[in-house]
Amino acid sequence: MDKVITLSDKGQVVIPAEIRQKYDLQKGDRFLVKDENGRITLTRLERHPLLGLRGAYKGQVDLTSELLKERRAEREREESKE
């Protein structure tokens, strides 16, 4: 598939939608840019599997805080028995 694209005044290019969909390119994907004998190539870098989870649990219960509360309550119960 050949497409003509234009370089913006900020030095940016837009990858056509058909290509983004074909290769599942997503916002935030990183690319290696190479200058190979007068030819510019873009190679998508592998996504980190955990990046997709960023923010997924925002607003959820903080399990560490809950565990600490339980341990404090348990300690207080033990101390009150003595």
N, C-alpha and C. Protein backbone atom coordinates (compact mmCIF):
# COMPACT_ATOMS: atom_id res chain seq x y z
N MET A 1 0.84 -1.17 0.00
CA MET A 1 0.00 0.00 0.00
C MET A 1 0.89 1.24 0.00
N ASP A 2 0.74 2.08 -0.96
CA ASP A 2 1.51 3.32 -1.05
C ASP A 2 0.61 4.50 -0.73
N LYS A 3 1.08 5.39 0.11
CA LYS A 3 0.35 6.61 0.47
C LYS A 3 1.33 7.77 0.46
N VAL A 4 0.86 8.92 0.02
CA VAL A 4 1.67 10.13 0.08
C VAL A 4 1.23 10.89 1.33
N ILE A 5 2.19 11.24 2.17
CA ILE A 5 1.89 12.01 3.37
C ILE A 5 2.74 13.26 3.37
N THR A 6 2.37 14.24 4.17
CA THR A 6 3.05 15.53 4.19
C THR A 6 3.66 15.78 5.56
N LEU A 7 4.85 16.34 5.58
CA LEU A 7 5.52 16.71 6.81
C LEU A 7 4.97 18.05 7.28
N SER A 8 4.55 18.13 8.54
CA SER A 8 3.99 19.38 9.07
C SER A 8 5.12 20.35 9.42
N ASP A 9 4.74 21.58 9.73
CA ASP A 9 5.75 22.57 10.11
C ASP A 9 6.41 22.22 11.44
N LYS A 10 5.82 21.30 12.20
CA LYS A 10 6.42 20.82 13.45
C LYS A 10 7.26 19.57 13.23
N GLY A 11 7.40 19.15 11.99
CA GLY A 11 8.19 17.96 11.69
C GLY A 11 7.44 16.66 11.92
N GLN A 12 6.12 16.72 11.96
CA GLN A 12 5.31 15.54 12.22
C GLN A 12 4.68 15.01 10.94
N VAL A 13 4.47 13.69 10.92
CA VAL A 13 3.73 13.06 9.83
C VAL A 13 2.61 12.25 10.45
N VAL A 14 1.54 12.05 9.69
CA VAL A 14 0.42 11.24 10.16
C VAL A 14 0.45 9.92 9.40
N ILE A 15 0.45 8.83 10.16
CA ILE A 15 0.39 7.51 9.54
C ILE A 15 -1.07 7.28 9.16
N PRO A 16 -1.34 6.96 7.90
CA PRO A 16 -2.73 6.79 7.46
C PRO A 16 -3.50 5.77 8.30
N ALA A 17 -4.80 6.04 8.46
CA ALA A 17 -5.66 5.20 9.31
C ALA A 17 -5.62 3.73 8.90
N GLU A 18 -5.61 3.47 7.60
CA GLU A 18 -5.61 2.07 7.15
C GLU A 18 -4.39 1.32 7.67
N ILE A 19 -3.25 2.00 7.69
CA ILE A 19 -2.01 1.37 8.16
C ILE A 19 -2.05 1.23 9.68
N ARG A 20 -2.55 2.26 10.38
CA ARG A 20 -2.66 2.18 11.84
C ARG A 20 -3.55 1.01 12.25
N GLN A 21 -4.65 0.83 11.54
CA GLN A 21 -5.56 -0.27 11.86
C GLN A 21 -4.93 -1.62 11.52
N LYS A 22 -4.31 -1.71 10.37
CA LYS A 22 -3.70 -2.97 9.92
C LYS A 22 -2.67 -3.48 10.93
N TYR A 23 -1.88 -2.55 11.49
CA TYR A 23 -0.81 -2.94 12.40
C TYR A 23 -1.15 -2.67 13.87
N ASP A 24 -2.42 -2.35 14.14
CA ASP A 24 -2.89 -2.07 15.50
C ASP A 24 -2.00 -1.04 16.19
N LEU A 25 -1.70 0.05 15.50
CA LEU A 25 -0.90 1.12 16.09
C LEU A 25 -1.80 1.94 17.01
N GLN A 26 -1.29 2.23 18.19
CA GLN A 26 -2.08 2.95 19.18
C GLN A 26 -1.33 4.15 19.70
N LYS A 27 -2.09 5.10 20.22
CA LYS A 27 -1.50 6.29 20.82
C LYS A 27 -0.47 5.86 21.85
N GLY A 28 0.69 6.47 21.82
CA GLY A 28 1.74 6.15 22.78
C GLY A 28 2.71 5.08 22.30
N ASP A 29 2.40 4.40 21.20
CA ASP A 29 3.35 3.42 20.67
C ASP A 29 4.66 4.11 20.36
N ARG A 30 5.75 3.40 20.55
CA ARG A 30 7.08 3.97 20.31
C ARG A 30 7.69 3.33 19.07
N PHE A 31 8.49 4.11 18.37
CA PHE A 31 9.09 3.66 17.12
C PHE A 31 10.59 3.95 17.11
N LEU A 32 11.31 3.09 16.44
CA LEU A 32 12.72 3.32 16.16
C LEU A 32 12.78 3.95 14.77
N VAL A 33 13.43 5.09 14.65
CA VAL A 33 13.57 5.77 13.36
C VAL A 33 15.00 5.55 12.88
N LYS A 34 15.13 5.05 11.66
CA LYS A 34 16.46 4.80 11.09
C LYS A 34 16.62 5.54 9.77
N ASP A 35 17.83 6.02 9.55
CA ASP A 35 18.21 6.62 8.27
C ASP A 35 19.11 5.58 7.60
N GLU A 36 18.57 4.92 6.59
CA GLU A 36 19.30 3.84 5.92
C GLU A 36 19.55 4.19 4.47
N ASN A 37 20.72 4.73 4.20
CA ASN A 37 21.11 5.06 2.82
C ASN A 37 20.07 5.92 2.11
N GLY A 38 19.64 7.00 2.77
CA GLY A 38 18.69 7.91 2.16
C GLY A 38 17.24 7.48 2.30
N ARG A 39 17.00 6.40 2.99
CA ARG A 39 15.63 5.89 3.20
C ARG A 39 15.34 5.95 4.70
N ILE A 40 14.20 6.52 5.06
CA ILE A 40 13.81 6.63 6.47
C ILE A 40 12.84 5.49 6.78
N THR A 41 13.14 4.74 7.83
CA THR A 41 12.25 3.64 8.22
C THR A 41 11.77 3.83 9.65
N LEU A 42 10.55 3.40 9.91
CA LEU A 42 9.97 3.38 11.25
C LEU A 42 9.73 1.93 11.62
N THR A 43 10.20 1.54 12.79
CA THR A 43 9.94 0.19 13.29
C THR A 43 9.31 0.32 14.67
N ARG A 44 8.10 -0.22 14.82
CA ARG A 44 7.44 -0.12 16.12
C ARG A 44 8.20 -0.96 17.13
N LEU A 45 8.42 -0.38 18.30
CA LEU A 45 9.06 -1.10 19.39
C LEU A 45 7.99 -1.89 20.13
N GLU A 46 8.41 -2.98 20.72
CA GLU A 46 7.47 -3.84 21.43
C GLU A 46 6.84 -3.09 22.59
N ARG A 47 5.55 -3.27 22.73
CA ARG A 47 4.84 -2.65 23.85
C ARG A 47 5.14 -3.41 25.13
N HIS A 48 5.26 -2.66 26.21
CA HIS A 48 5.42 -3.30 27.51
C HIS A 48 4.04 -3.80 27.92
N PRO A 49 3.90 -5.06 28.27
CA PRO A 49 2.56 -5.62 28.54
C PRO A 49 1.82 -4.94 29.68
N LEU A 50 2.53 -4.33 30.61
CA LEU A 50 1.85 -3.71 31.74
C LEU A 50 1.39 -2.28 31.46
N LEU A 51 1.89 -1.67 30.38
CA LEU A 51 1.49 -0.30 30.09
C LEU A 51 0.00 -0.17 29.83
N GLY A 52 -0.59 -1.20 29.28
CA GLY A 52 -2.02 -1.15 29.02
C GLY A 52 -2.86 -1.11 30.29
N LEU A 53 -2.28 -1.50 31.40
CA LEU A 53 -3.01 -1.50 32.66
C LEU A 53 -2.91 -0.18 33.41
N ARG A 54 -2.07 0.72 32.92
CA ARG A 54 -1.87 1.99 33.61
C ARG A 54 -3.20 2.71 33.81
N GLY A 55 -3.52 3.01 35.04
CA GLY A 55 -4.76 3.72 35.35
C GLY A 55 -5.99 2.84 35.43
N ALA A 56 -5.86 1.56 35.13
CA ALA A 56 -7.02 0.68 35.11
C ALA A 56 -7.64 0.51 36.50
N TYR A 57 -6.84 0.60 37.54
CA TYR A 57 -7.35 0.39 38.89
C TYR A 57 -7.47 1.68 39.68
N LYS A 58 -7.40 2.80 38.99
CA LYS A 58 -7.51 4.09 39.66
C LYS A 58 -8.88 4.17 40.34
N GLY A 59 -8.88 4.59 41.58
CA GLY A 59 -10.14 4.70 42.31
C GLY A 59 -10.55 3.41 42.99
N GLN A 60 -9.80 2.34 42.77
CA GLN A 60 -10.11 1.06 43.41
C GLN A 60 -9.56 1.07 44.83
N VAL A 61 -9.91 0.07 45.59
CA VAL A 61 -9.44 -0.07 46.96
C VAL A 61 -7.93 -0.28 46.96
N ASP A 62 -7.25 0.44 47.84
CA ASP A 62 -5.80 0.28 48.00
C ASP A 62 -5.59 -0.93 48.92
N LEU A 63 -5.19 -2.05 48.34
CA LEU A 63 -5.07 -3.29 49.11
C LEU A 63 -4.02 -3.21 50.20
N THR A 64 -2.96 -2.47 49.96
CA THR A 64 -1.92 -2.32 50.98
C THR A 64 -2.47 -1.61 52.20
N SER A 65 -3.21 -0.53 51.98
CA SER A 65 -3.80 0.21 53.10
C SER A 65 -4.80 -0.66 53.85
N GLU A 66 -5.60 -1.43 53.11
CA GLU A 66 -6.57 -2.31 53.76
C GLU A 66 -5.87 -3.37 54.62
N LEU A 67 -4.79 -3.94 54.10
CA LEU A 67 -4.05 -4.94 54.86
C LEU A 67 -3.47 -4.33 56.13
N LEU A 68 -2.91 -3.12 56.01
CA LEU A 68 -2.35 -2.46 57.19
C LEU A 68 -3.43 -2.18 58.24
N LYS A 69 -4.61 -1.77 57.81
CA LYS A 69 -5.72 -1.53 58.75
C LYS A 69 -6.08 -2.81 59.48
N GLU A 70 -6.17 -3.90 58.72
CA GLU A 70 -6.50 -5.19 59.33
C GLU A 70 -5.45 -5.62 60.34
N ARG A 71 -4.18 -5.45 60.00
CA ARG A 71 -3.09 -5.84 60.90
C ARG A 71 -3.11 -5.00 62.18
N ARG A 72 -3.38 -3.68 62.03
CA ARG A 72 -3.44 -2.82 63.22
C ARG A 72 -4.59 -3.24 64.13
N ALA A 73 -5.75 -3.52 63.52
CA ALA A 73 -6.91 -3.95 64.31
C ALA A 73 -6.61 -5.27 65.01
N GLU A 74 -5.95 -6.17 64.31
CA GLU A 74 -5.59 -7.46 64.90
C GLU A 74 -4.64 -7.27 66.07
N ARG A 75 -3.65 -6.39 65.90
CA ARG A 75 -2.68 -6.11 66.96
C ARG A 75 -3.39 -5.52 68.18
N GLU A 76 -4.32 -4.59 67.94
CA GLU A 76 -5.05 -3.97 69.04
C GLU A 76 -5.89 -5.01 69.79
N ARG A 77 -6.51 -5.94 69.06
CA ARG A 77 -7.29 -7.00 69.70
C ARG A 77 -6.39 -7.87 70.57
N GLU A 78 -5.21 -8.20 70.05
CA GLU A 78 -4.27 -9.03 70.80
C GLU A 78 -3.79 -8.30 72.05
N GLU A 79 -3.50 -7.01 71.92
CA GLU A 79 -3.02 -6.24 73.06
C GLU A 79 -4.10 -6.08 74.13
N SER A 80 -5.35 -5.98 73.71
CA SER A 80 -6.44 -5.81 74.68
C SER A 80 -6.72 -7.10 75.45
N LYS A 81 -6.31 -8.25 74.92
CA LYS A 81 -6.48 -9.53 75.60
C LYS A 81 -5.50 -9.67 76.76
N GLU A 82 -4.38 -8.99 76.67
CA GLU A 82 -3.32 -9.16 77.67
C GLU A 82 -3.61 -8.45 78.94
